[in-house]
């Protein structure tokens, strides 16, 4: 067990900004009010509204890393992570610019790492902006090959106790630098959506644990950034879900999970077409097919370095459809499934 000296900052908090100065300012103010020292790193993802300059003018002691174009969530946070690693921070946290942190958010995350040296990622209790309902208490991956935020839309009073979970939300979680050096950074081919599930899955395969600390509280405006781009979420979803599956599912689980996953994926594609999102969904599916060949090569390396058993991974999975998949659940019932 490693004791942490928080008298000086060992934690870099990376915040992405893309054309959203007011949200980012509210976010920064909450991070400046933390009960332990943190160093805030803003990665401006090619903003064209002058927000990077606004932030630099308002906060003289915050590092702003300006990018010429939008690198997506994965590419943007990687810029901040590389900067943090080069500057020898042992802990790196990611925080959405459309979120605000409770004053003990950072201290609770770092303290959780003291419980077990194998904990590589810590996530907290992410609430909606009103604080009444849960946005996430970590990420789950179902045996249907579909990731989902744990406890989403449950009342705050129903938040689970602390412990281990499958994955962490990239919007408000801490990552050990030692772990990132071991498994690599975020996969930039994902651009946005499920890149946090991917890095959590890779961490699990490499023998690292993901912990959930309910005392690390933050508040999130759901979808405030993604909603700025029409069809963005649909395209990224259909592009990234197969990439997540291809890279990470252990060989012994490929068939049972794959049958369910591709059945669900095709039904989701049909549903997207019915709802008028067919063009974005089809483009995402085609790009996934193209990138899939690249991911097969990455898969070989990931699975070769696997440090846990397939049984361990199977036991970590959610043994059902994700809660929000009501349509698939009804269809399964019609055909006699459980």
Protein backbone atom coordinates (compact mmCIF):
# COMPACT_ATOMS: atom_id res chain seq x y z
CA UNK A 1 0.00 0.00 0.00
CA UNK A 2 1.38 3.38 -1.06
CA UNK A 3 0.68 6.44 1.08
CA UNK A 4 0.05 9.63 -0.85
CA UNK A 5 1.50 13.01 0.06
CA UNK A 6 -1.12 15.55 -1.00
CA UNK A 7 0.63 18.61 0.50
CA UNK A 8 1.74 19.34 -3.04
CA UNK A 9 -0.19 18.33 -6.14
CA UNK A 10 0.36 14.79 -7.36
CA UNK A 11 -2.81 14.98 -9.43
CA UNK A 12 -3.25 16.55 -12.85
CA UNK A 13 -6.89 17.09 -13.83
CA UNK A 14 -7.44 17.26 -17.57
CA UNK A 15 -10.44 19.14 -18.91
CA UNK A 16 -11.35 19.27 -22.60
CA UNK A 17 -12.81 22.49 -23.95
CA UNK A 18 -14.55 22.78 -27.30
CA UNK A 19 -16.51 25.99 -27.92
CA UNK A 20 -17.92 26.03 -24.40
CA UNK A 21 -16.29 28.71 -22.26
CA UNK A 22 -19.05 29.18 -19.68
CA UNK A 23 -19.37 25.47 -18.92
CA UNK A 24 -15.58 25.23 -18.71
CA UNK A 25 -15.32 28.24 -16.38
CA UNK A 26 -17.90 26.71 -14.00
CA UNK A 27 -15.95 23.45 -14.14
CA UNK A 28 -12.60 25.13 -13.41
CA UNK A 29 -14.03 27.07 -10.47
CA UNK A 30 -15.18 23.82 -8.86
CA UNK A 31 -11.76 22.24 -9.37
CA UNK A 32 -10.01 25.27 -7.88
CA UNK A 33 -12.11 24.73 -4.77
CA UNK A 34 -10.85 21.19 -4.11
CA UNK A 35 -9.82 20.25 -0.56
CA UNK A 36 -6.44 19.03 -1.86
CA UNK A 37 -4.13 20.71 -4.39
CA UNK A 38 -4.76 19.79 -8.03
CA UNK A 39 -3.16 21.08 -11.19
CA UNK A 40 -5.68 21.85 -13.91
CA UNK A 41 -4.76 21.28 -17.55
CA UNK A 42 -7.14 22.58 -20.20
CA UNK A 43 -6.91 21.00 -23.63
CA UNK A 44 -8.64 23.28 -26.10
CA UNK A 45 -9.88 21.04 -28.89
CA UNK A 46 -9.74 23.48 -31.80
CA UNK A 47 -12.31 25.96 -30.49
CA UNK A 48 -13.28 28.77 -32.89
CA UNK A 49 -15.20 30.91 -30.39
CA UNK A 50 -12.20 32.40 -28.58
CA UNK A 51 -12.85 30.32 -25.47
CA UNK A 52 -9.20 29.31 -25.10
CA UNK A 53 -8.19 32.96 -24.91
CA UNK A 54 -11.02 33.71 -22.47
CA UNK A 55 -9.81 30.93 -20.16
CA UNK A 56 -6.15 32.00 -20.41
CA UNK A 57 -7.06 35.58 -19.55
CA UNK A 58 -9.23 34.61 -16.56
CA UNK A 59 -6.90 31.98 -15.05
CA UNK A 60 -3.22 32.89 -15.06
CA UNK A 61 -1.95 29.71 -13.36
CA UNK A 62 -3.75 27.13 -15.48
CA UNK A 63 -2.02 25.40 -18.36
CA UNK A 64 -3.93 25.67 -21.65
CA UNK A 65 -2.84 23.33 -24.44
CA UNK A 66 -4.27 24.68 -27.70
CA UNK A 67 -4.95 22.28 -30.56
CA UNK A 68 -5.45 23.33 -34.17
CA UNK A 69 -8.45 21.09 -34.72
CA UNK A 70 -10.87 18.86 -32.82
CA UNK A 71 -9.09 15.63 -31.86
CA UNK A 72 -12.19 14.13 -30.25
CA UNK A 73 -12.38 13.07 -26.64
CA UNK A 74 -9.76 10.33 -26.94
CA UNK A 75 -7.24 12.39 -28.90
CA UNK A 76 -7.80 15.47 -26.78
CA UNK A 77 -7.34 13.79 -23.42
CA UNK A 78 -4.27 11.99 -24.75
CA UNK A 79 -2.65 15.39 -25.34
CA UNK A 80 -3.21 16.22 -21.67
CA UNK A 81 -2.16 12.76 -20.49
CA UNK A 82 1.13 12.91 -22.39
CA UNK A 83 1.82 16.36 -20.91
CA UNK A 84 1.04 15.05 -17.42
CA UNK A 85 3.24 11.97 -17.82
CA UNK A 86 6.11 14.13 -19.10
CA UNK A 87 5.71 16.28 -15.98
CA UNK A 88 5.81 13.24 -13.64
CA UNK A 89 2.31 13.31 -12.17
CA UNK A 90 1.60 9.91 -10.56
CA UNK A 91 -2.16 10.42 -10.91
CA UNK A 92 -4.14 11.81 -13.83
CA UNK A 93 -7.85 12.56 -13.68
CA UNK A 94 -10.22 13.36 -16.52
CA UNK A 95 -13.13 15.68 -15.96
CA UNK A 96 -15.85 16.78 -18.37
CA UNK A 97 -16.07 20.51 -18.93
CA UNK A 98 -19.86 20.30 -18.54
CA UNK A 99 -19.47 18.93 -15.01
CA UNK A 100 -18.68 20.39 -11.60
CA UNK A 101 -16.93 18.68 -8.69
CA UNK A 102 -17.74 18.48 -5.00
CA UNK A 103 -14.84 19.91 -2.98
CA UNK A 104 -13.75 16.43 -1.82
CA UNK A 105 -13.96 14.80 -5.26
CA UNK A 106 -10.19 14.69 -5.88
CA UNK A 107 -9.22 13.67 -2.34
CA UNK A 108 -11.71 10.79 -2.28
CA UNK A 109 -10.44 9.44 -5.60
CA UNK A 110 -6.79 9.52 -4.59
CA UNK A 111 -7.49 8.02 -1.15
CA UNK A 112 -9.25 5.06 -2.79
CA UNK A 113 -6.03 4.09 -4.56
CA UNK A 114 -4.40 3.49 -1.16
CA UNK A 115 -6.62 0.47 -0.50
CA UNK A 116 -4.92 -1.78 -3.06
CA UNK A 117 -1.88 -1.25 -5.27
CA UNK A 118 -3.64 -3.11 -8.08
CA UNK A 119 -6.29 -0.39 -8.36
CA UNK A 120 -5.44 1.44 -11.56
CA UNK A 121 -8.64 3.45 -12.07
CA UNK A 122 -11.05 5.05 -9.62
CA UNK A 123 -14.43 6.46 -10.54
CA UNK A 124 -16.93 8.27 -8.37
CA UNK A 125 -20.60 9.08 -7.96
CA UNK A 126 -21.53 11.15 -11.00
CA UNK A 127 -24.94 12.78 -10.58
CA UNK A 128 -27.09 14.78 -12.94
CA UNK A 129 -26.93 18.55 -12.68
CA UNK A 130 -29.73 18.71 -10.09
CA UNK A 131 -28.03 16.11 -7.90
CA UNK A 132 -31.26 14.13 -7.62
CA UNK A 133 -30.52 11.31 -10.06
CA UNK A 134 -27.44 9.27 -10.93
CA UNK A 135 -25.57 9.70 -14.20
CA UNK A 136 -23.05 6.94 -13.48
CA UNK A 137 -21.44 4.91 -10.72
CA UNK A 138 -18.99 3.35 -13.14
CA UNK A 139 -19.40 1.36 -16.34
CA UNK A 140 -20.66 -2.15 -16.91
CA UNK A 141 -20.13 -4.44 -19.91
CA UNK A 142 -22.92 -6.92 -20.55
CA UNK A 143 -22.65 -10.46 -21.90
CA UNK A 144 -24.45 -9.07 -24.95
CA UNK A 145 -21.33 -7.05 -25.80
CA UNK A 146 -22.96 -3.75 -24.87
CA UNK A 147 -21.45 -1.31 -22.32
CA UNK A 148 -23.64 0.97 -20.25
CA UNK A 149 -23.36 3.41 -17.32
CA UNK A 150 -24.09 1.68 -14.03
CA UNK A 151 -27.06 3.00 -11.99
CA UNK A 152 -28.05 5.63 -14.59
CA UNK A 153 -31.33 7.42 -13.77
CA UNK A 154 -31.59 5.77 -10.35
CA UNK A 155 -32.32 8.10 -7.47
CA UNK A 156 -29.26 9.32 -5.61
CA UNK A 157 -30.43 7.51 -2.50
CA UNK A 158 -30.04 4.21 -4.39
CA UNK A 159 -26.32 4.72 -5.10
CA UNK A 160 -24.36 1.52 -4.38
CA UNK A 161 -21.69 1.23 -1.73
CA UNK A 162 -18.05 1.53 -2.71
CA UNK A 163 -16.18 -1.40 -4.21
CA UNK A 164 -14.93 -2.78 -7.49
CA UNK A 165 -16.70 -2.31 -10.81
CA UNK A 166 -15.97 -3.23 -14.41
CA UNK A 167 -15.17 0.21 -15.77
CA UNK A 168 -15.03 3.94 -15.16
CA UNK A 169 -16.59 6.88 -16.92
CA UNK A 170 -14.07 9.05 -18.72
CA UNK A 171 -16.03 12.09 -17.59
CA UNK A 172 -14.89 12.09 -13.95
CA UNK A 173 -12.32 9.43 -13.07
CA UNK A 174 -8.72 9.03 -11.93
CA UNK A 175 -6.06 6.93 -13.69
CA UNK A 176 -2.72 5.85 -12.27
CA UNK A 177 0.16 6.90 -14.51
CA UNK A 178 1.83 3.55 -13.80
CA UNK A 179 -1.18 1.78 -15.28
CA UNK A 180 -1.29 4.02 -18.36
CA UNK A 181 2.38 3.28 -19.01
CA UNK A 182 1.51 -0.41 -18.81
CA UNK A 183 -1.59 -0.60 -21.04
CA UNK A 184 -1.30 2.53 -23.20
CA UNK A 185 -3.46 5.62 -23.55
CA UNK A 186 -6.96 6.09 -24.96
CA UNK A 187 -7.61 4.63 -28.41
CA UNK A 188 -7.89 7.64 -30.72
CA UNK A 189 -9.75 5.65 -33.38
CA UNK A 190 -12.75 5.78 -31.06
CA UNK A 191 -12.70 9.61 -31.21
CA UNK A 192 -15.59 9.77 -28.72
CA UNK A 193 -17.96 7.27 -27.05
CA UNK A 194 -16.86 4.01 -25.42
CA UNK A 195 -13.18 4.92 -25.34
CA UNK A 196 -13.53 4.84 -21.55
CA UNK A 197 -15.04 1.34 -21.69
CA UNK A 198 -12.15 0.27 -23.93
CA UNK A 199 -9.41 1.49 -21.59
CA UNK A 200 -11.23 -0.03 -18.60
CA UNK A 201 -11.49 -3.37 -20.42
CA UNK A 202 -7.78 -3.27 -21.32
CA UNK A 203 -6.97 -2.48 -17.69
CA UNK A 204 -9.01 -5.47 -16.48
CA UNK A 205 -7.31 -7.79 -18.96
CA UNK A 206 -3.88 -6.58 -17.81
CA UNK A 207 -4.70 -7.36 -14.18
CA UNK A 208 -5.57 -3.86 -12.95
CA UNK A 209 -8.71 -3.19 -10.92
CA UNK A 210 -11.31 -0.46 -11.31
CA UNK A 211 -12.76 0.92 -8.07
CA UNK A 212 -15.85 2.98 -7.33
CA UNK A 213 -15.84 5.56 -4.52
CA UNK A 214 -19.30 7.03 -3.74
CA UNK A 215 -17.82 9.90 -1.71
CA UNK A 216 -16.17 11.29 -4.85
CA UNK A 217 -19.15 13.29 -6.08
CA UNK A 218 -19.54 15.31 -9.26
CA UNK A 219 -22.48 16.79 -11.19
CA UNK A 220 -22.89 16.43 -14.95
CA UNK A 221 -25.00 18.11 -17.64
CA UNK A 222 -25.75 15.01 -19.71
CA UNK A 223 -24.97 15.37 -23.41
CA UNK A 224 -24.18 19.09 -23.30
CA UNK A 225 -21.26 18.73 -25.71
CA UNK A 226 -22.39 15.85 -27.94
CA UNK A 227 -25.77 17.47 -28.59
CA UNK A 228 -24.03 20.25 -30.51
CA UNK A 229 -23.42 17.90 -33.47
CA UNK A 230 -26.33 16.30 -35.37
CA UNK A 231 -25.95 12.53 -35.80
CA UNK A 232 -22.68 12.50 -33.89
CA UNK A 233 -23.70 10.06 -31.15
CA UNK A 234 -25.33 7.67 -33.63
CA UNK A 235 -22.27 7.57 -35.89
CA UNK A 236 -19.83 7.08 -33.01
CA UNK A 237 -21.98 4.37 -31.42
CA UNK A 238 -22.16 2.23 -34.54
CA UNK A 239 -18.48 2.79 -35.27
CA UNK A 240 -17.15 2.03 -31.83
CA UNK A 241 -19.24 -0.82 -30.40
CA UNK A 242 -17.73 -3.46 -32.72
CA UNK A 243 -14.21 -2.09 -32.15
CA UNK A 244 -14.65 -2.50 -28.41
CA UNK A 245 -15.80 -6.10 -28.92
CA UNK A 246 -13.07 -7.03 -31.42
CA UNK A 247 -10.19 -5.73 -29.30
CA UNK A 248 -11.09 -6.97 -25.88
CA UNK A 249 -13.34 -10.03 -25.68
CA UNK A 250 -11.23 -13.06 -24.65
CA UNK A 251 -11.15 -15.88 -27.18
CA UNK A 252 -13.21 -18.21 -25.00
CA UNK A 253 -16.08 -15.71 -24.94
CA UNK A 254 -16.03 -14.64 -28.59
CA UNK A 255 -18.75 -17.01 -29.75
CA UNK A 256 -21.35 -16.74 -26.94
CA UNK A 257 -21.03 -12.97 -26.64
CA UNK A 258 -20.56 -12.46 -30.39
CA UNK A 259 -23.85 -14.19 -31.28
CA UNK A 260 -25.76 -11.90 -28.93
CA UNK A 261 -23.77 -8.80 -29.84
CA UNK A 262 -24.18 -8.93 -33.60
CA UNK A 263 -27.87 -9.84 -33.25
CA UNK A 264 -28.36 -6.77 -31.04
CA UNK A 265 -26.19 -4.61 -33.32
CA UNK A 266 -28.28 -5.45 -36.40
CA UNK A 267 -31.51 -4.73 -34.55
CA UNK A 268 -30.09 -1.41 -33.34
CA UNK A 269 -29.14 -0.59 -36.94
CA UNK A 270 -32.67 -1.38 -38.13
CA UNK A 271 -34.09 0.78 -35.33
CA UNK A 272 -31.81 3.67 -36.32
CA UNK A 273 -33.05 3.46 -39.91
CA UNK A 274 -36.70 3.46 -38.77
CA UNK A 275 -36.06 6.55 -36.64
CA UNK A 276 -34.42 8.47 -39.48
CA UNK A 277 -30.82 8.01 -38.36
CA UNK A 278 -29.94 5.41 -40.96
CA UNK A 279 -27.32 7.48 -42.79
CA UNK A 280 -25.27 8.20 -39.65
CA UNK A 281 -25.65 4.61 -38.43
CA UNK A 282 -24.62 3.12 -41.78
CA UNK A 283 -21.59 5.40 -42.01
CA UNK A 284 -20.56 4.35 -38.51
CA UNK A 285 -21.01 0.64 -39.31
CA UNK A 286 -18.94 0.97 -42.49
CA UNK A 287 -16.13 2.80 -40.69
CA UNK A 288 -16.20 0.10 -38.02
CA UNK A 289 -15.71 -2.53 -40.73
CA UNK A 290 -12.70 -0.64 -42.11
CA UNK A 291 -11.11 -0.07 -38.69
CA UNK A 292 -11.87 -3.62 -37.59
CA UNK A 293 -8.93 -5.01 -39.56
CA UNK A 294 -6.59 -2.67 -37.66
CA UNK A 295 -8.15 -3.70 -34.35
CA UNK A 296 -7.55 -7.39 -35.09
CA UNK A 297 -3.82 -6.64 -34.97
CA UNK A 298 -4.21 -4.73 -31.72
CA UNK A 299 -6.31 -7.56 -30.33
CA UNK A 300 -3.46 -10.04 -30.73
CA UNK A 301 -1.20 -7.88 -28.57
CA UNK A 302 -3.86 -7.22 -25.93
CA UNK A 303 -4.85 -10.88 -25.59
CA UNK A 304 -1.23 -12.07 -25.62
CA UNK A 305 -0.52 -9.88 -22.58
CA UNK A 306 -3.69 -10.89 -20.69
CA UNK A 307 -2.93 -11.40 -16.97
CA UNK A 308 -6.32 -12.70 -15.80
CA UNK A 309 -8.38 -15.77 -16.65
CA UNK A 310 -11.33 -15.78 -19.03
CA UNK A 311 -13.44 -16.94 -16.08
CA UNK A 312 -12.48 -13.77 -14.19
CA UNK A 313 -13.63 -11.59 -17.08
CA UNK A 314 -16.85 -13.57 -17.48
CA UNK A 315 -17.63 -13.08 -13.80
CA UNK A 316 -17.06 -9.32 -14.14
CA UNK A 317 -19.66 -9.00 -16.92
CA UNK A 318 -23.27 -7.96 -16.45
CA UNK A 319 -25.23 -11.18 -16.99
CA UNK A 320 -28.15 -9.67 -18.91
CA UNK A 321 -29.08 -7.02 -21.44
CA UNK A 322 -28.33 -3.44 -20.40
CA UNK A 323 -31.29 -1.97 -18.48
CA UNK A 324 -32.13 0.58 -21.19
CA UNK A 325 -32.47 -2.10 -23.92
CA UNK A 326 -36.22 -2.45 -23.43
CA UNK A 327 -36.93 -3.25 -27.09
CA UNK A 328 -34.44 -6.12 -27.16
CA UNK A 329 -35.81 -7.40 -23.87
CA UNK A 330 -39.37 -7.47 -25.26
CA UNK A 331 -38.20 -9.25 -28.42
CA UNK A 332 -36.31 -11.84 -26.36
CA UNK A 333 -39.44 -12.50 -24.33
CA UNK A 334 -41.51 -12.97 -27.50
CA UNK A 335 -39.17 -15.65 -28.81
CA UNK A 336 -39.08 -17.43 -25.46
CA UNK A 337 -35.74 -16.19 -24.10
CA UNK A 338 -35.01 -15.31 -20.50
